[in-house]
Full PDB file with SEQRES, HELIX, SHEET, SSBOND, CRYST1, ORIGX, SCALE, CONECT and MASTER records, all heavy atoms in Angstrom:
SEQRES   1 A   37  ILE CYS GLU LYS ASP ASN THR VAL PHE PHE ARG ILE ASN          
SEQRES   2 A   37  SER LYS ILE PHE VAL LEU ASN LYS GLY LYS ILE GLN ALA          
SEQRES   3 A   37  TYR ALA SER ASN TYR TRP SER PHE LEU GLY GLU                  
SHEET    1 AA1 4 CYS A   2  LYS A   4  0                                        
SHEET    2 AA1 4 THR A   7  ARG A  11 -1                                        
SHEET    3 AA1 4 LYS A  15  ASN A  20 -1                                        
SHEET    4 AA1 4 LYS A  23  ALA A  28 -1                                        
CRYST1    1.000    1.000    1.000  90.00  90.00  90.00 P 1           1          
ORIGX1      1.000000  0.000000  0.000000        0.00000                         
ORIGX2      0.000000  1.000000  0.000000        0.00000                         
ORIGX3      0.000000  0.000000  1.000000        0.00000                         
SCALE1      1.000000  0.000000  0.000000        0.00000                         
SCALE2      0.000000  1.000000  0.000000        0.00000                         
SCALE3      0.000000  0.000000  1.000000        0.00000                         
ATOM      1  N   ILE A   1      18.227 -79.260  58.643  1.00  0.00           N  
ATOM      2  CA  ILE A   1      18.774 -78.380  59.708  1.00  0.00           C  
ATOM      3  C   ILE A   1      18.488 -79.100  61.019  1.00  0.00           C  
ATOM      4  O   ILE A   1      17.414 -79.546  61.224  1.00  0.00           O  
ATOM      5  CB  ILE A   1      18.146 -77.030  59.595  1.00  0.00           C  
ATOM      6  CG1 ILE A   1      18.249 -76.377  58.211  1.00  0.00           C  
ATOM      7  CG2 ILE A   1      18.958 -76.042  60.709  1.00  0.00           C  
ATOM      8  CD1 ILE A   1      17.425 -75.101  58.081  1.00  0.00           C  
ATOM      9  N   CYS A   2      19.462 -78.904  61.949  1.00  0.00           N  
ATOM     10  CA  CYS A   2      19.247 -79.501  63.324  1.00  0.00           C  
ATOM     11  C   CYS A   2      20.112 -78.651  64.229  1.00  0.00           C  
ATOM     12  O   CYS A   2      20.869 -77.833  63.915  1.00  0.00           O  
ATOM     13  CB  CYS A   2      19.558 -80.986  63.410  1.00  0.00           C  
ATOM     14  SG  CYS A   2      21.238 -81.425  63.064  1.00  0.00           S  
ATOM     15  N   GLU A   3      19.749 -78.804  65.576  1.00  0.00           N  
ATOM     16  CA  GLU A   3      20.366 -77.925  66.622  1.00  0.00           C  
ATOM     17  C   GLU A   3      20.733 -78.794  67.828  1.00  0.00           C  
ATOM     18  O   GLU A   3      19.882 -79.616  68.096  1.00  0.00           O  
ATOM     19  CB  GLU A   3      19.307 -76.912  67.032  1.00  0.00           C  
ATOM     20  CG  GLU A   3      19.738 -75.943  68.063  1.00  0.00           C  
ATOM     21  CD  GLU A   3      18.665 -74.935  68.472  1.00  0.00           C  
ATOM     22  OE1 GLU A   3      17.431 -75.309  68.424  1.00  0.00           O  
ATOM     23  OE2 GLU A   3      18.911 -73.710  68.835  1.00  0.00           O  
ATOM     24  N   LYS A   4      21.814 -78.246  68.444  1.00  0.00           N  
ATOM     25  CA  LYS A   4      22.245 -78.873  69.732  1.00  0.00           C  
ATOM     26  C   LYS A   4      23.064 -77.905  70.479  1.00  0.00           C  
ATOM     27  O   LYS A   4      24.104 -77.340  69.797  1.00  0.00           O  
ATOM     28  CB  LYS A   4      22.853 -80.257  69.506  1.00  0.00           C  
ATOM     29  CG  LYS A   4      23.401 -80.758  70.783  1.00  0.00           C  
ATOM     30  CD  LYS A   4      24.119 -82.152  70.638  1.00  0.00           C  
ATOM     31  CE  LYS A   4      24.748 -82.726  71.899  1.00  0.00           C  
ATOM     32  NZ  LYS A   4      23.785 -82.738  73.004  1.00  0.00           N  
ATOM     33  N   ASP A   5      22.826 -77.538  71.704  1.00  0.00           N  
ATOM     34  CA  ASP A   5      23.681 -76.816  72.661  1.00  0.00           C  
ATOM     35  C   ASP A   5      23.933 -75.500  71.793  1.00  0.00           C  
ATOM     36  O   ASP A   5      25.165 -75.022  71.777  1.00  0.00           O  
ATOM     37  CB  ASP A   5      25.023 -77.488  72.895  1.00  0.00           C  
ATOM     38  CG  ASP A   5      24.862 -78.794  73.661  1.00  0.00           C  
ATOM     39  OD1 ASP A   5      23.823 -78.872  74.357  1.00  0.00           O  
ATOM     40  OD2 ASP A   5      25.704 -79.649  73.677  1.00  0.00           O  
ATOM     41  N   ASN A   6      22.913 -74.788  71.414  1.00  0.00           N  
ATOM     42  CA  ASN A   6      23.056 -73.441  70.866  1.00  0.00           C  
ATOM     43  C   ASN A   6      23.837 -73.367  69.592  1.00  0.00           C  
ATOM     44  O   ASN A   6      24.401 -72.414  69.247  1.00  0.00           O  
ATOM     45  CB  ASN A   6      23.559 -72.432  71.788  1.00  0.00           C  
ATOM     46  CG  ASN A   6      22.670 -72.336  73.036  1.00  0.00           C  
ATOM     47  OD1 ASN A   6      21.377 -72.139  72.958  1.00  0.00           O  
ATOM     48  ND2 ASN A   6      23.330 -72.307  74.235  1.00  0.00           N  
ATOM     49  N   THR A   7      24.042 -74.595  68.915  1.00  0.00           N  
ATOM     50  CA  THR A   7      24.717 -74.643  67.748  1.00  0.00           C  
ATOM     51  C   THR A   7      23.672 -75.227  66.692  1.00  0.00           C  
ATOM     52  O   THR A   7      23.018 -76.224  66.879  1.00  0.00           O  
ATOM     53  CB  THR A   7      25.990 -75.664  67.836  1.00  0.00           C  
ATOM     54  OG1 THR A   7      26.742 -75.220  68.915  1.00  0.00           O  
ATOM     55  CG2 THR A   7      26.754 -75.825  66.571  1.00  0.00           C  
ATOM     56  N   VAL A   8      23.804 -74.534  65.470  1.00  0.00           N  
ATOM     57  CA  VAL A   8      22.857 -74.961  64.396  1.00  0.00           C  
ATOM     58  C   VAL A   8      23.793 -75.595  63.251  1.00  0.00           C  
ATOM     59  O   VAL A   8      24.676 -75.033  62.764  1.00  0.00           O  
ATOM     60  CB  VAL A   8      21.984 -73.780  63.930  1.00  0.00           C  
ATOM     61  CG1 VAL A   8      21.141 -74.146  62.720  1.00  0.00           C  
ATOM     62  CG2 VAL A   8      21.262 -73.169  65.064  1.00  0.00           C  
ATOM     63  N   PHE A   9      23.121 -76.652  62.708  1.00  0.00           N  
ATOM     64  CA  PHE A   9      23.829 -77.373  61.656  1.00  0.00           C  
ATOM     65  C   PHE A   9      22.934 -77.316  60.349  1.00  0.00           C  
ATOM     66  O   PHE A   9      21.733 -77.658  60.439  1.00  0.00           O  
ATOM     67  CB  PHE A   9      24.171 -78.803  62.029  1.00  0.00           C  
ATOM     68  CG  PHE A   9      24.729 -79.001  63.314  1.00  0.00           C  
ATOM     69  CD1 PHE A   9      24.329 -78.864  64.538  1.00  0.00           C  
ATOM     70  CD2 PHE A   9      26.266 -79.433  63.243  1.00  0.00           C  
ATOM     71  CE1 PHE A   9      25.099 -79.063  65.662  1.00  0.00           C  
ATOM     72  CE2 PHE A   9      26.896 -79.606  64.398  1.00  0.00           C  
ATOM     73  CZ  PHE A   9      26.305 -79.372  65.624  1.00  0.00           C  
ATOM     74  N   PHE A  10      23.641 -77.040  59.203  1.00  0.00           N  
ATOM     75  CA  PHE A  10      22.924 -77.138  57.880  1.00  0.00           C  
ATOM     76  C   PHE A  10      23.576 -78.149  57.106  1.00  0.00           C  
ATOM     77  O   PHE A  10      24.807 -78.007  56.907  1.00  0.00           O  
ATOM     78  CB  PHE A  10      23.015 -75.652  57.131  1.00  0.00           C  
ATOM     79  CG  PHE A  10      22.506 -74.637  58.080  1.00  0.00           C  
ATOM     80  CD1 PHE A  10      23.214 -73.910  59.070  1.00  0.00           C  
ATOM     81  CD2 PHE A  10      21.145 -74.121  57.796  1.00  0.00           C  
ATOM     82  CE1 PHE A  10      22.704 -72.881  59.821  1.00  0.00           C  
ATOM     83  CE2 PHE A  10      20.695 -72.942  58.590  1.00  0.00           C  
ATOM     84  CZ  PHE A  10      21.332 -72.411  59.438  1.00  0.00           C  
ATOM     85  N   ARG A  11      22.938 -78.981  56.440  1.00  0.00           N  
ATOM     86  CA  ARG A  11      23.479 -80.045  55.544  1.00  0.00           C  
ATOM     87  C   ARG A  11      23.141 -79.668  54.024  1.00  0.00           C  
ATOM     88  O   ARG A  11      22.087 -79.641  53.734  1.00  0.00           O  
ATOM     89  CB  ARG A  11      22.973 -81.470  55.911  1.00  0.00           C  
ATOM     90  CG  ARG A  11      23.619 -82.535  54.875  1.00  0.00           C  
ATOM     91  CD  ARG A  11      23.078 -83.912  55.219  1.00  0.00           C  
ATOM     92  NE  ARG A  11      21.733 -84.082  54.837  1.00  0.00           N  
ATOM     93  CZ  ARG A  11      21.224 -84.493  53.707  1.00  0.00           C  
ATOM     94  NH1 ARG A  11      22.052 -84.710  52.696  1.00  0.00           N  
ATOM     95  NH2 ARG A  11      19.945 -84.620  53.499  1.00  0.00           N  
ATOM     96  N   ILE A  12      24.323 -79.454  53.376  1.00  0.00           N  
ATOM     97  CA  ILE A  12      24.177 -79.463  51.887  1.00  0.00           C  
ATOM     98  C   ILE A  12      24.954 -80.846  51.540  1.00  0.00           C  
ATOM     99  O   ILE A  12      25.668 -81.432  52.343  1.00  0.00           O  
ATOM    100  CB  ILE A  12      24.955 -78.382  51.258  1.00  0.00           C  
ATOM    101  CG1 ILE A  12      24.304 -76.983  51.760  1.00  0.00           C  
ATOM    102  CG2 ILE A  12      25.081 -78.316  49.867  1.00  0.00           C  
ATOM    103  CD1 ILE A  12      24.978 -76.381  52.963  1.00  0.00           C  
ATOM    104  N   ASN A  13      24.740 -81.301  50.313  1.00  0.00           N  
ATOM    105  CA  ASN A  13      25.425 -82.597  49.887  1.00  0.00           C  
ATOM    106  C   ASN A  13      26.785 -82.599  49.994  1.00  0.00           C  
ATOM    107  O   ASN A  13      27.467 -83.492  50.322  1.00  0.00           O  
ATOM    108  CB  ASN A  13      24.891 -82.971  48.512  1.00  0.00           C  
ATOM    109  CG  ASN A  13      23.633 -83.504  48.476  1.00  0.00           C  
ATOM    110  OD1 ASN A  13      22.865 -83.885  49.414  1.00  0.00           O  
ATOM    111  ND2 ASN A  13      22.891 -83.680  47.182  1.00  0.00           N  
ATOM    112  N   SER A  14      27.404 -81.370  49.715  1.00  0.00           N  
ATOM    113  CA  SER A  14      28.901 -81.298  49.639  1.00  0.00           C  
ATOM    114  C   SER A  14      29.552 -80.732  50.968  1.00  0.00           C  
ATOM    115  O   SER A  14      30.681 -80.648  51.087  1.00  0.00           O  
ATOM    116  CB  SER A  14      29.380 -80.463  48.386  1.00  0.00           C  
ATOM    117  OG  SER A  14      28.890 -79.197  48.555  1.00  0.00           O  
ATOM    118  N   LYS A  15      28.584 -80.110  51.848  1.00  0.00           N  
ATOM    119  CA  LYS A  15      29.174 -79.505  53.030  1.00  0.00           C  
ATOM    120  C   LYS A  15      28.264 -79.496  54.120  1.00  0.00           C  
ATOM    121  O   LYS A  15      26.991 -79.717  53.992  1.00  0.00           O  
ATOM    122  CB  LYS A  15      29.379 -77.976  52.755  1.00  0.00           C  
ATOM    123  CG  LYS A  15      30.515 -77.705  51.562  1.00  0.00           C  
ATOM    124  CD  LYS A  15      30.515 -76.182  51.226  1.00  0.00           C  
ATOM    125  CE  LYS A  15      31.456 -75.903  50.154  1.00  0.00           C  
ATOM    126  NZ  LYS A  15      31.585 -74.526  49.763  1.00  0.00           N  
ATOM    127  N   ILE A  16      28.678 -79.318  55.393  1.00  0.00           N  
ATOM    128  CA  ILE A  16      27.832 -79.069  56.474  1.00  0.00           C  
ATOM    129  C   ILE A  16      28.346 -77.740  57.183  1.00  0.00           C  
ATOM    130  O   ILE A  16      29.482 -77.583  57.338  1.00  0.00           O  
ATOM    131  CB  ILE A  16      27.958 -80.220  57.599  1.00  0.00           C  
ATOM    132  CG1 ILE A  16      27.237 -81.500  57.062  1.00  0.00           C  
ATOM    133  CG2 ILE A  16      27.288 -79.759  58.926  1.00  0.00           C  
ATOM    134  CD1 ILE A  16      27.282 -82.668  58.070  1.00  0.00           C  
ATOM    135  N   PHE A  17      27.423 -76.790  57.244  1.00  0.00           N  
ATOM    136  CA  PHE A  17      27.788 -75.546  57.863  1.00  0.00           C  
ATOM    137  C   PHE A  17      27.292 -75.550  59.308  1.00  0.00           C  
ATOM    138  O   PHE A  17      26.237 -76.038  59.747  1.00  0.00           O  
ATOM    139  CB  PHE A  17      27.022 -74.353  57.295  1.00  0.00           C  
ATOM    140  CG  PHE A  17      27.291 -74.095  55.879  1.00  0.00           C  
ATOM    141  CD1 PHE A  17      26.461 -73.876  54.840  1.00  0.00           C  
ATOM    142  CD2 PHE A  17      28.721 -74.158  55.510  1.00  0.00           C  
ATOM    143  CE1 PHE A  17      26.677 -73.649  53.565  1.00  0.00           C  
ATOM    144  CE2 PHE A  17      29.039 -73.894  54.081  1.00  0.00           C  
ATOM    145  CZ  PHE A  17      28.009 -73.687  53.132  1.00  0.00           C  
ATOM    146  N   VAL A  18      28.231 -75.292  60.286  1.00  0.00           N  
ATOM    147  CA  VAL A  18      28.002 -75.193  61.715  1.00  0.00           C  
ATOM    148  C   VAL A  18      28.035 -73.812  62.265  1.00  0.00           C  
ATOM    149  O   VAL A  18      29.118 -73.176  62.159  1.00  0.00           O  
ATOM    150  CB  VAL A  18      29.119 -76.005  62.424  1.00  0.00           C  
ATOM    151  CG1 VAL A  18      28.733 -76.095  63.950  1.00  0.00           C  
ATOM    152  CG2 VAL A  18      28.907 -77.461  61.891  1.00  0.00           C  
ATOM    153  N   LEU A  19      26.934 -73.311  62.689  1.00  0.00           N  
ATOM    154  CA  LEU A  19      26.717 -71.979  63.253  1.00  0.00           C  
ATOM    155  C   LEU A  19      26.852 -71.978  64.739  1.00  0.00           C  
ATOM    156  O   LEU A  19      25.960 -72.617  65.415  1.00  0.00           O  
ATOM    157  CB  LEU A  19      25.357 -71.332  62.767  1.00  0.00           C  
ATOM    158  CG  LEU A  19      24.911 -70.119  63.342  1.00  0.00           C  
ATOM    159  CD1 LEU A  19      25.920 -68.935  62.914  1.00  0.00           C  
ATOM    160  CD2 LEU A  19      23.504 -69.682  62.891  1.00  0.00           C  
ATOM    161  N   ASN A  20      27.753 -71.155  65.389  1.00  0.00           N  
ATOM    162  CA  ASN A  20      27.867 -71.133  66.596  1.00  0.00           C  
ATOM    163  C   ASN A  20      28.482 -69.682  66.939  1.00  0.00           C  
ATOM    164  O   ASN A  20      29.514 -69.368  66.570  1.00  0.00           O  
ATOM    165  CB  ASN A  20      28.754 -72.145  67.235  1.00  0.00           C  
ATOM    166  CG  ASN A  20      28.922 -72.075  68.838  1.00  0.00           C  
ATOM    167  OD1 ASN A  20      30.096 -71.613  69.270  1.00  0.00           O  
ATOM    168  ND2 ASN A  20      27.962 -72.582  69.611  1.00  0.00           N  
ATOM    169  N   LYS A  21      27.808 -68.999  67.925  1.00  0.00           N  
ATOM    170  CA  LYS A  21      28.155 -67.724  68.423  1.00  0.00           C  
ATOM    171  C   LYS A  21      28.543 -66.698  67.304  1.00  0.00           C  
ATOM    172  O   LYS A  21      29.595 -65.932  67.231  1.00  0.00           O  
ATOM    173  CB  LYS A  21      29.348 -67.814  69.318  1.00  0.00           C  
ATOM    174  CG  LYS A  21      29.113 -68.635  70.572  1.00  0.00           C  
ATOM    175  CD  LYS A  21      30.353 -68.837  71.429  1.00  0.00           C  
ATOM    176  CE  LYS A  21      30.066 -69.483  72.773  1.00  0.00           C  
ATOM    177  NZ  LYS A  21      31.279 -69.739  73.620  1.00  0.00           N  
ATOM    178  N   GLY A  22      27.635 -66.672  66.317  1.00  0.00           N  
ATOM    179  CA  GLY A  22      27.823 -65.767  65.233  1.00  0.00           C  
ATOM    180  C   GLY A  22      28.853 -66.049  64.136  1.00  0.00           C  
ATOM    181  O   GLY A  22      29.200 -65.217  63.285  1.00  0.00           O  
ATOM    182  N   LYS A  23      29.470 -67.207  64.137  1.00  0.00           N  
ATOM    183  CA  LYS A  23      30.522 -67.553  63.234  1.00  0.00           C  
ATOM    184  C   LYS A  23      30.009 -69.087  62.604  1.00  0.00           C  
ATOM    185  O   LYS A  23      29.338 -69.823  63.271  1.00  0.00           O  
ATOM    186  CB  LYS A  23      31.861 -67.785  63.856  1.00  0.00           C  
ATOM    187  CG  LYS A  23      32.414 -66.433  64.388  1.00  0.00           C  
ATOM    188  CD  LYS A  23      33.830 -66.585  64.900  1.00  0.00           C  
ATOM    189  CE  LYS A  23      34.270 -65.349  65.571  1.00  0.00           C  
ATOM    190  NZ  LYS A  23      35.757 -65.494  66.102  1.00  0.00           N  
ATOM    191  N   ILE A  24      30.538 -69.213  61.353  1.00  0.00           N  
ATOM    192  CA  ILE A  24      30.201 -70.339  60.686  1.00  0.00           C  
ATOM    193  C   ILE A  24      31.387 -71.109  60.268  1.00  0.00           C  
ATOM    194  O   ILE A  24      32.317 -70.544  59.578  1.00  0.00           O  
ATOM    195  CB  ILE A  24      29.270 -70.127  59.388  1.00  0.00           C  
ATOM    196  CG1 ILE A  24      27.812 -69.620  59.808  1.00  0.00           C  
ATOM    197  CG2 ILE A  24      29.095 -71.388  58.587  1.00  0.00           C  
ATOM    198  CD1 ILE A  24      26.949 -69.220  58.730  1.00  0.00           C  
ATOM    199  N   GLN A  25      31.519 -72.493  60.677  1.00  0.00           N  
ATOM    200  CA  GLN A  25      32.543 -73.336  60.151  1.00  0.00           C  
ATOM    201  C   GLN A  25      32.000 -74.283  59.047  1.00  0.00           C  
ATOM    202  O   GLN A  25      31.027 -74.875  59.367  1.00  0.00           O  
ATOM    203  CB  GLN A  25      33.129 -74.031  61.313  1.00  0.00           C  
ATOM    204  CG  GLN A  25      34.120 -74.997  61.018  1.00  0.00           C  
ATOM    205  CD  GLN A  25      35.454 -74.356  60.513  1.00  0.00           C  
ATOM    206  OE1 GLN A  25      35.966 -73.374  61.175  1.00  0.00           O  
ATOM    207  NE2 GLN A  25      36.106 -74.921  59.509  1.00  0.00           N  
ATOM    208  N   ALA A  26      32.679 -74.345  57.960  1.00  0.00           N  
ATOM    209  CA  ALA A  26      32.204 -75.357  56.936  1.00  0.00           C  
ATOM    210  C   ALA A  26      33.052 -76.622  57.012  1.00  0.00           C  
ATOM    211  O   ALA A  26      34.234 -76.478  56.991  1.00  0.00           O  
ATOM    212  CB  ALA A  26      32.345 -74.738  55.523  1.00  0.00           C  
ATOM    213  N   TYR A  27      32.404 -77.695  56.811  1.00  0.00           N  
ATOM    214  CA  TYR A  27      32.988 -79.007  56.691  1.00  0.00           C  
ATOM    215  C   TYR A  27      32.675 -79.728  55.369  1.00  0.00           C  
ATOM    216  O   TYR A  27      31.545 -80.018  55.224  1.00  0.00           O  
ATOM    217  CB  TYR A  27      32.621 -79.942  57.894  1.00  0.00           C  
ATOM    218  CG  TYR A  27      32.925 -79.295  59.203  1.00  0.00           C  
ATOM    219  CD1 TYR A  27      32.023 -78.559  59.935  1.00  0.00           C  
ATOM    220  CD2 TYR A  27      34.204 -79.735  59.927  1.00  0.00           C  
ATOM    221  CE1 TYR A  27      32.359 -78.014  61.122  1.00  0.00           C  
ATOM    222  CE2 TYR A  27      34.467 -79.217  61.054  1.00  0.00           C  
ATOM    223  CZ  TYR A  27      33.687 -78.355  61.688  1.00  0.00           C  
ATOM    224  OH  TYR A  27      33.965 -77.839  62.944  1.00  0.00           O  
ATOM    225  N   ALA A  28      33.679 -79.726  54.602  1.00  0.00           N  
ATOM    226  CA  ALA A  28      33.443 -80.201  53.213  1.00  0.00           C  
ATOM    227  C   ALA A  28      33.593 -81.826  53.130  1.00  0.00           C  
ATOM    228  O   ALA A  28      34.273 -82.476  53.864  1.00  0.00           O  
ATOM    229  CB  ALA A  28      34.481 -79.603  52.158  1.00  0.00           C  
ATOM    230  N   SER A  29      32.934 -82.390  52.047  1.00  0.00           N  
ATOM    231  CA  SER A  29      32.910 -83.757  51.691  1.00  0.00           C  
ATOM    232  C   SER A  29      32.456 -83.890  50.257  1.00  0.00           C  
ATOM    233  O   SER A  29      31.637 -83.048  49.906  1.00  0.00           O  
ATOM    234  CB  SER A  29      32.117 -84.582  52.786  1.00  0.00           C  
ATOM    235  OG  SER A  29      31.956 -85.850  52.268  1.00  0.00           O  
ATOM    236  N   ASN A  30      32.754 -84.984  49.675  1.00  0.00           N  
ATOM    237  CA  ASN A  30      32.174 -85.212  48.365  1.00  0.00           C  
ATOM    238  C   ASN A  30      30.650 -85.778  48.531  1.00  0.00           C  
ATOM    239  O   ASN A  30      30.004 -85.574  47.587  1.00  0.00           O  
ATOM    240  CB  ASN A  30      32.933 -86.352  47.644  1.00  0.00           C  
ATOM    241  CG  ASN A  30      32.874 -87.686  48.211  1.00  0.00           C  
ATOM    242  OD1 ASN A  30      32.672 -87.694  49.495  1.00  0.00           O  
ATOM    243  ND2 ASN A  30      32.929 -88.749  47.462  1.00  0.00           N  
ATOM    244  N   TYR A  31      30.321 -86.085  49.626  1.00  0.00           N  
ATOM    245  CA  TYR A  31      28.787 -86.445  49.822  1.00  0.00           C  
ATOM    246  C   TYR A  31      28.571 -86.716  51.292  1.00  0.00           C  
ATOM    247  O   TYR A  31      28.998 -87.650  51.903  1.00  0.00           O  
ATOM    248  CB  TYR A  31      28.445 -87.667  49.101  1.00  0.00           C  
ATOM    249  CG  TYR A  31      26.893 -87.951  49.091  1.00  0.00           C  
ATOM    250  CD1 TYR A  31      25.899 -87.027  49.059  1.00  0.00           C  
ATOM    251  CD2 TYR A  31      26.363 -89.212  49.163  1.00  0.00           C  
ATOM    252  CE1 TYR A  31      24.581 -87.248  49.119  1.00  0.00           C  
ATOM    253  CE2 TYR A  31      25.073 -89.548  49.264  1.00  0.00           C  
ATOM    254  CZ  TYR A  31      24.199 -88.486  49.272  1.00  0.00           C  
ATOM    255  OH  TYR A  31      22.856 -88.837  49.252  1.00  0.00           O  
ATOM    256  N   TRP A  32      27.787 -85.733  51.906  1.00  0.00           N  
ATOM    257  CA  TRP A  32      27.249 -85.894  53.177  1.00  0.00           C  
ATOM    258  C   TRP A  32      25.754 -86.444  53.004  1.00  0.00           C  
ATOM    259  O   TRP A  32      24.822 -85.765  52.457  1.00  0.00           O  
ATOM    260  CB  TRP A  32      27.010 -84.638  54.017  1.00  0.00           C  
ATOM    261  CG  TRP A  32      28.324 -84.117  54.475  1.00  0.00           C  
ATOM    262  CD1 TRP A  32      29.056 -83.039  53.817  1.00  0.00           C  
ATOM    263  CD2 TRP A  32      29.121 -84.383  55.692  1.00  0.00           C  
ATOM    264  NE1 TRP A  32      30.207 -82.771  54.541  1.00  0.00           N  
ATOM    265  CE2 TRP A  32      30.176 -83.531  55.645  1.00  0.00           C  
ATOM    266  CE3 TRP A  32      28.934 -85.361  56.635  1.00  0.00           C  
ATOM    267  CZ2 TRP A  32      31.230 -83.603  56.656  1.00  0.00           C  
ATOM    268  CZ3 TRP A  32      29.880 -85.436  57.609  1.00  0.00           C  
ATOM    269  CH2 TRP A  32      30.986 -84.534  57.657  1.00  0.00           C  
ATOM    270  N   SER A  33      25.410 -87.661  53.253  1.00  0.00           N  
ATOM    271  CA  SER A  33      24.090 -88.296  52.965  1.00  0.00           C  
ATOM    272  C   SER A  33      23.152 -88.084  54.183  1.00  0.00           C  
ATOM    273  O   SER A  33      22.038 -88.225  53.979  1.00  0.00           O  
ATOM    274  CB  SER A  33      24.218 -89.825  52.619  1.00  0.00           C  
ATOM    275  OG  SER A  33      24.476 -90.449  53.850  1.00  0.00           O  
ATOM    276  N   PHE A  34      23.584 -87.770  55.354  1.00  0.00           N  
ATOM    277  CA  PHE A  34      22.725 -87.586  56.452  1.00  0.00           C  
ATOM    278  C   PHE A  34      23.236 -86.699  57.412  1.00  0.00           C  
ATOM    279  O   PHE A  34      24.489 -86.555  57.740  1.00  0.00           O  
ATOM    280  CB  PHE A  34      22.441 -89.061  57.089  1.00  0.00           C  
ATOM    281  CG  PHE A  34      21.677 -88.905  58.455  1.00  0.00           C  
ATOM    282  CD1 PHE A  34      20.296 -88.970  58.345  1.00  0.00           C  
ATOM    283  CD2 PHE A  34      22.321 -89.130  59.569  1.00  0.00           C  
ATOM    284  CE1 PHE A  34      19.621 -88.982  59.578  1.00  0.00           C  
ATOM    285  CE2 PHE A  34      21.705 -88.875  60.729  1.00  0.00           C  
ATOM    286  CZ  PHE A  34      20.175 -88.814  60.765  1.00  0.00           C  
ATOM    287  N   LEU A  35      22.385 -86.059  58.143  1.00  0.00           N  
ATOM    288  CA  LEU A  35      22.711 -85.177  59.396  1.00  0.00           C  
ATOM    289  C   LEU A  35      21.500 -85.251  60.345  1.00  0.00           C  
ATOM    290  O   LEU A  35      20.396 -84.991  59.779  1.00  0.00           O  
ATOM    291  CB  LEU A  35      23.045 -83.674  58.891  1.00  0.00           C  
ATOM    292  CG  LEU A  35      22.921 -82.645  60.131  1.00  0.00           C  
ATOM    293  CD1 LEU A  35      24.292 -82.894  60.880  1.00  0.00           C  
ATOM    294  CD2 LEU A  35      22.945 -81.290  59.474  1.00  0.00           C  
ATOM    295  N   GLY A  36      21.641 -85.448  61.540  1.00  0.00           N  
ATOM    296  CA  GLY A  36      20.446 -85.562  62.467  1.00  0.00           C  
ATOM    297  C   GLY A  36      20.907 -85.756  63.786  1.00  0.00           C  
ATOM    298  O   GLY A  36      22.006 -86.074  64.218  1.00  0.00           O  
ATOM    299  N   GLU A  37      19.978 -85.622  64.635  1.00  0.00           N  
ATOM    300  CA  GLU A  37      20.072 -85.868  66.148  1.00  0.00           C  
ATOM    301  C   GLU A  37      19.603 -87.177  66.490  1.00  0.00           C  
ATOM    302  O   GLU A  37      18.456 -87.600  66.268  1.00  0.00           O  
ATOM    303  CB  GLU A  37      19.342 -84.713  66.901  1.00  0.00           C  
ATOM    304  CG  GLU A  37      19.543 -84.876  68.466  1.00  0.00           C  
ATOM    305  CD  GLU A  37      18.865 -83.703  69.089  1.00  0.00           C  
ATOM    306  OE1 GLU A  37      18.342 -82.800  68.551  1.00  0.00           O  
ATOM    307  OE2 GLU A  37      19.023 -83.625  70.474  1.00  0.00           O  
TER     308      GLU A  37                                                      
MASTER        0    0    0    0    4    0    0    6  307    1    0    3          
END                                                                             
């Protein structure tokens, strides 16, 4: 999990969830190997 500009990111191998202002957007992939600042 990481954070920037009041936005929180959660990495699952197949998705990244982006939380901002009480809503979550999902970004799918067959493999997210890394997420970070």
